[in-house]
Amino acid sequence: MKRGQHHGALRELLIDTALGLLDREGVEAVTIRAVARASGVSHAAPANHFVDRRALLTALAVQCFTDLRAGAAAARDAASQSPRARITAFADAYFAYALAHPNRYRMMWRMDMLDPHDARLTELVDGLYAGIEQDVLALPGAPDDDATTLLIALSSAVHGYVAMRIDGNFVAAVDTASGKPRHVAIVERLLGP
C-alpha cells in the first residue's frame, strides 16, 4: 500500500484502476497483479479486498450493474407516464451504457468469470428490470398477472442487439418505417401497437 494510503480508500482505488484497465484492454488484462501494479501498490495489497481474480471481477460487475441500473432507472423515471415511453427510455439508456462501455458490458454477463453466489451481484442482476414489470403490465392488452415472457423477450432483444452492435455485426441505423433509431424501433415493435 502506498504510504499514507487509507485502507478503506485502497479498495476504491483498485476498482477504479481495474475499470480503467477493463475499458482500455478488455477483461483479459484485468488481473490482481496488473491492477496492483497500475495502482502503484504491492501485488499482495489487493488480497485484503479481493481473494482472487473472480472476486475482483465480481466487484467490477457489481459497480457496472449499479451504474447501468441507476442510469436506466433515471431515464425511465424521467420519461412521460406512458408505460411504453418509460420502457423505451429504459431500453435506450441501457443501450447507450453498453455502447459507451463495451468491455464493461461484455464482462458483466460473463458469469463464468464472476461469482454467481455473490448476494450483491444477484440482487442487481435480478433487480435490473425493477419497475419495468409494472410498465409491461400497464400496456394495453398485457396479461393481468405475469409480464415475465415479455420481459424476457425485451431483455433478449435488447441484449442481443447490443452484443451484435458491439461486435460490429450491425452499424448504427434508422428504421425506415418509423424513422427512429433501430434499437428504439426494435423495442417499440416488441411492445406492439
Protein backbone atom coordinates (compact mmCIF):
# COMPACT_ATOMS: atom_id res chain seq x y z
CA MET A 1 0.00 0.00 0.00
CA LYS A 2 1.26 3.47 -0.75
CA ARG A 3 2.48 5.36 2.28
CA GLY A 4 -0.40 7.43 3.60
CA GLN A 5 -2.98 5.42 1.62
CA HIS A 6 -6.05 4.93 3.79
CA HIS A 7 -7.02 1.27 3.95
CA GLY A 8 -10.67 1.96 3.03
CA ALA A 9 -9.65 4.04 0.03
CA LEU A 10 -7.48 1.23 -1.37
CA ARG A 11 -10.49 -0.85 -2.42
CA GLU A 12 -11.92 2.08 -4.37
CA LEU A 13 -8.55 2.80 -5.95
CA LEU A 14 -8.24 -0.84 -7.04
CA ILE A 15 -11.75 -0.85 -8.52
CA ASP A 16 -11.18 2.44 -10.36
CA THR A 17 -7.87 1.18 -11.71
CA ALA A 18 -9.41 -2.14 -12.74
CA LEU A 19 -12.23 -0.35 -14.56
CA GLY A 20 -9.66 1.70 -16.46
CA LEU A 21 -7.78 -1.45 -17.48
CA LEU A 22 -11.04 -3.11 -18.45
CA ASP A 23 -12.07 -0.14 -20.61
CA ARG A 24 -8.71 0.08 -22.37
CA GLU A 25 -7.67 -3.55 -22.72
CA GLY A 26 -10.62 -5.82 -22.00
CA VAL A 27 -11.30 -8.36 -19.30
CA GLU A 28 -8.23 -10.46 -20.11
CA ALA A 29 -5.99 -7.62 -18.91
CA VAL A 30 -7.66 -7.37 -15.52
CA THR A 31 -5.63 -9.44 -13.10
CA ILE A 32 -4.80 -8.86 -9.45
CA ARG A 33 -1.14 -8.24 -10.29
CA ALA A 34 -1.90 -5.87 -13.18
CA VAL A 35 -4.34 -3.85 -11.07
CA ALA A 36 -1.88 -3.68 -8.16
CA ARG A 37 0.93 -2.57 -10.49
CA ALA A 38 -1.23 0.09 -12.18
CA SER A 39 -2.41 1.28 -8.75
CA GLY A 40 1.16 1.63 -7.51
CA VAL A 41 0.77 -0.88 -4.67
CA SER A 42 2.42 -4.20 -3.92
CA HIS A 43 0.96 -7.26 -5.59
CA ALA A 44 -0.09 -8.51 -2.13
CA ALA A 45 -2.04 -5.36 -1.19
CA PRO A 46 -5.28 -6.30 -3.02
CA ALA A 47 -5.55 -9.56 -1.02
CA ASN A 48 -7.23 -7.68 1.83
CA HIS A 49 -10.10 -6.82 -0.53
CA PHE A 50 -10.16 -9.49 -3.23
CA VAL A 51 -9.24 -13.09 -2.51
CA ASP A 52 -8.83 -13.85 -6.21
CA ARG A 53 -9.48 -12.58 -9.71
CA ARG A 54 -13.09 -13.81 -9.62
CA ALA A 55 -13.73 -11.65 -6.54
CA LEU A 56 -12.17 -8.63 -8.26
CA LEU A 57 -14.22 -9.12 -11.44
CA THR A 58 -17.37 -9.65 -9.37
CA ALA A 59 -16.73 -6.34 -7.60
CA LEU A 60 -16.33 -4.68 -11.01
CA ALA A 61 -19.57 -6.25 -12.23
CA VAL A 62 -21.37 -5.00 -9.11
CA GLN A 63 -20.12 -1.48 -9.85
CA CYS A 64 -21.12 -1.72 -13.52
CA PHE A 65 -24.58 -3.12 -12.79
CA THR A 66 -25.08 -0.39 -10.19
CA ASP A 67 -24.21 2.26 -12.77
CA LEU A 68 -26.33 0.67 -15.51
CA ARG A 69 -29.31 0.20 -13.23
CA ALA A 70 -29.14 3.76 -11.88
CA GLY A 71 -28.87 5.32 -15.34
CA ALA A 72 -31.62 3.21 -16.88
CA ALA A 73 -33.94 3.75 -13.90
CA ALA A 74 -33.35 7.51 -14.03
CA ALA A 75 -34.19 7.55 -17.75
CA ARG A 76 -37.34 5.53 -17.09
CA ASP A 77 -38.40 7.82 -14.27
CA ALA A 78 -37.77 10.95 -16.37
CA ALA A 79 -39.94 9.69 -19.24
CA SER A 80 -43.61 10.51 -19.54
CA GLN A 81 -46.10 8.47 -17.56
CA SER A 82 -46.82 6.34 -20.62
CA PRO A 83 -45.71 2.75 -19.92
CA ARG A 84 -44.48 2.45 -23.49
CA ALA A 85 -42.39 5.63 -23.21
CA ARG A 86 -40.93 4.51 -19.87
CA ILE A 87 -39.92 1.10 -21.25
CA THR A 88 -38.40 2.68 -24.35
CA ALA A 89 -36.46 5.24 -22.28
CA PHE A 90 -35.11 2.46 -20.05
CA ALA A 91 -34.01 0.40 -23.08
CA ASP A 92 -32.45 3.47 -24.72
CA ALA A 93 -30.36 4.21 -21.60
CA TYR A 94 -29.37 0.53 -21.35
CA PHE A 95 -28.26 0.59 -24.98
CA ALA A 96 -26.32 3.85 -24.51
CA TYR A 97 -24.46 2.45 -21.47
CA ALA A 98 -23.50 -0.72 -23.32
CA LEU A 99 -22.16 1.12 -26.36
CA ALA A 100 -20.30 3.65 -24.22
CA HIS A 101 -18.67 0.85 -22.17
CA PRO A 102 -18.43 -2.23 -24.40
CA ASN A 103 -15.75 -4.03 -22.38
CA ARG A 104 -17.65 -3.44 -19.16
CA TYR A 105 -20.84 -4.67 -20.75
CA ARG A 106 -19.24 -7.86 -22.05
CA MET A 107 -17.67 -8.58 -18.66
CA MET A 108 -20.95 -8.00 -16.79
CA TRP A 109 -22.54 -11.00 -18.50
CA ARG A 110 -19.54 -13.35 -18.21
CA MET A 111 -20.99 -15.45 -15.41
CA ASP A 112 -18.19 -17.96 -15.99
CA MET A 113 -15.78 -15.33 -14.64
CA LEU A 114 -17.98 -13.93 -11.87
CA ASP A 115 -19.18 -15.32 -8.55
CA PRO A 116 -22.81 -16.31 -9.23
CA HIS A 117 -23.37 -16.68 -5.47
CA ASP A 118 -22.43 -13.10 -4.64
CA ALA A 119 -25.54 -11.60 -2.99
CA ARG A 120 -24.92 -8.06 -4.25
CA LEU A 121 -24.45 -9.21 -7.83
CA THR A 122 -27.51 -11.45 -7.70
CA GLU A 123 -29.68 -8.64 -6.33
CA LEU A 124 -28.51 -6.21 -9.02
CA VAL A 125 -28.98 -8.65 -11.90
CA ASP A 126 -32.38 -9.79 -10.61
CA GLY A 127 -33.45 -6.20 -9.99
CA LEU A 128 -32.20 -4.75 -13.26
CA TYR A 129 -35.73 -4.56 -14.64
CA ALA A 130 -37.29 -3.33 -11.39
CA GLY A 131 -40.19 -1.09 -12.27
CA ILE A 132 -40.38 -2.24 -15.87
CA GLU A 133 -42.66 -5.13 -14.91
CA GLN A 134 -45.33 -2.65 -13.80
CA ASP A 135 -44.93 -0.77 -17.07
CA VAL A 136 -45.32 -4.00 -19.05
CA LEU A 137 -48.45 -4.93 -17.10
CA ALA A 138 -49.87 -1.46 -17.80
CA LEU A 139 -49.53 -1.85 -21.58
CA PRO A 140 -52.80 -2.22 -23.49
CA GLY A 141 -53.57 -5.91 -23.97
CA ALA A 142 -50.96 -7.02 -21.40
CA PRO A 143 -51.63 -10.10 -19.29
CA ASP A 144 -53.23 -9.41 -15.92
CA ASP A 145 -50.66 -11.11 -13.74
CA ASP A 146 -47.43 -12.11 -15.47
CA ALA A 147 -45.13 -9.94 -17.52
CA THR A 148 -42.24 -12.43 -17.43
CA THR A 149 -42.42 -13.65 -21.03
CA LEU A 150 -42.50 -10.14 -22.48
CA LEU A 151 -39.71 -9.03 -20.13
CA ILE A 152 -37.56 -11.96 -21.25
CA ALA A 153 -38.30 -11.15 -24.90
CA LEU A 154 -37.41 -7.47 -24.38
CA SER A 155 -34.26 -8.32 -22.45
CA SER A 156 -33.17 -10.85 -25.06
CA ALA A 157 -33.80 -8.48 -27.95
CA VAL A 158 -32.00 -5.55 -26.34
CA HIS A 159 -29.09 -7.67 -25.13
CA GLY A 160 -28.75 -9.46 -28.48
CA TYR A 161 -28.86 -6.26 -30.50
CA VAL A 162 -26.38 -4.55 -28.18
CA ALA A 163 -23.97 -7.50 -28.36
CA MET A 164 -24.17 -7.57 -32.14
CA ARG A 165 -23.56 -3.80 -32.33
CA ILE A 166 -20.56 -4.08 -30.01
CA ASP A 167 -19.17 -6.93 -32.09
CA GLY A 168 -19.62 -4.96 -35.32
CA ASN A 169 -22.34 -7.15 -36.82
CA PHE A 170 -24.70 -4.18 -37.06
CA VAL A 171 -23.99 -0.50 -37.56
CA ALA A 172 -25.99 2.49 -36.33
CA ALA A 173 -29.09 2.74 -38.48
CA VAL A 174 -32.51 4.30 -38.60
CA ASP A 175 -35.62 2.21 -39.00
CA THR A 176 -37.07 3.11 -42.40
CA ALA A 177 -40.70 2.70 -41.33
CA SER A 178 -40.62 4.81 -38.14
CA GLY A 179 -37.55 6.99 -38.70
CA LYS A 180 -36.36 6.12 -35.18
CA PRO A 181 -33.00 4.63 -34.22
CA ARG A 182 -33.03 0.89 -34.89
CA HIS A 183 -32.73 -0.09 -31.21
CA VAL A 184 -35.76 2.04 -30.30
CA ALA A 185 -37.78 0.64 -33.21
CA ILE A 186 -36.99 -2.92 -32.09
CA VAL A 187 -38.31 -2.25 -28.60
CA GLU A 188 -41.40 -0.48 -29.88
CA ARG A 189 -42.12 -3.33 -32.30
CA LEU A 190 -41.96 -5.85 -29.46
CA LEU A 191 -44.32 -3.73 -27.39
CA GLY A 192 -46.94 -3.86 -30.14
CA PRO A 193 -49.23 -1.14 -31.46
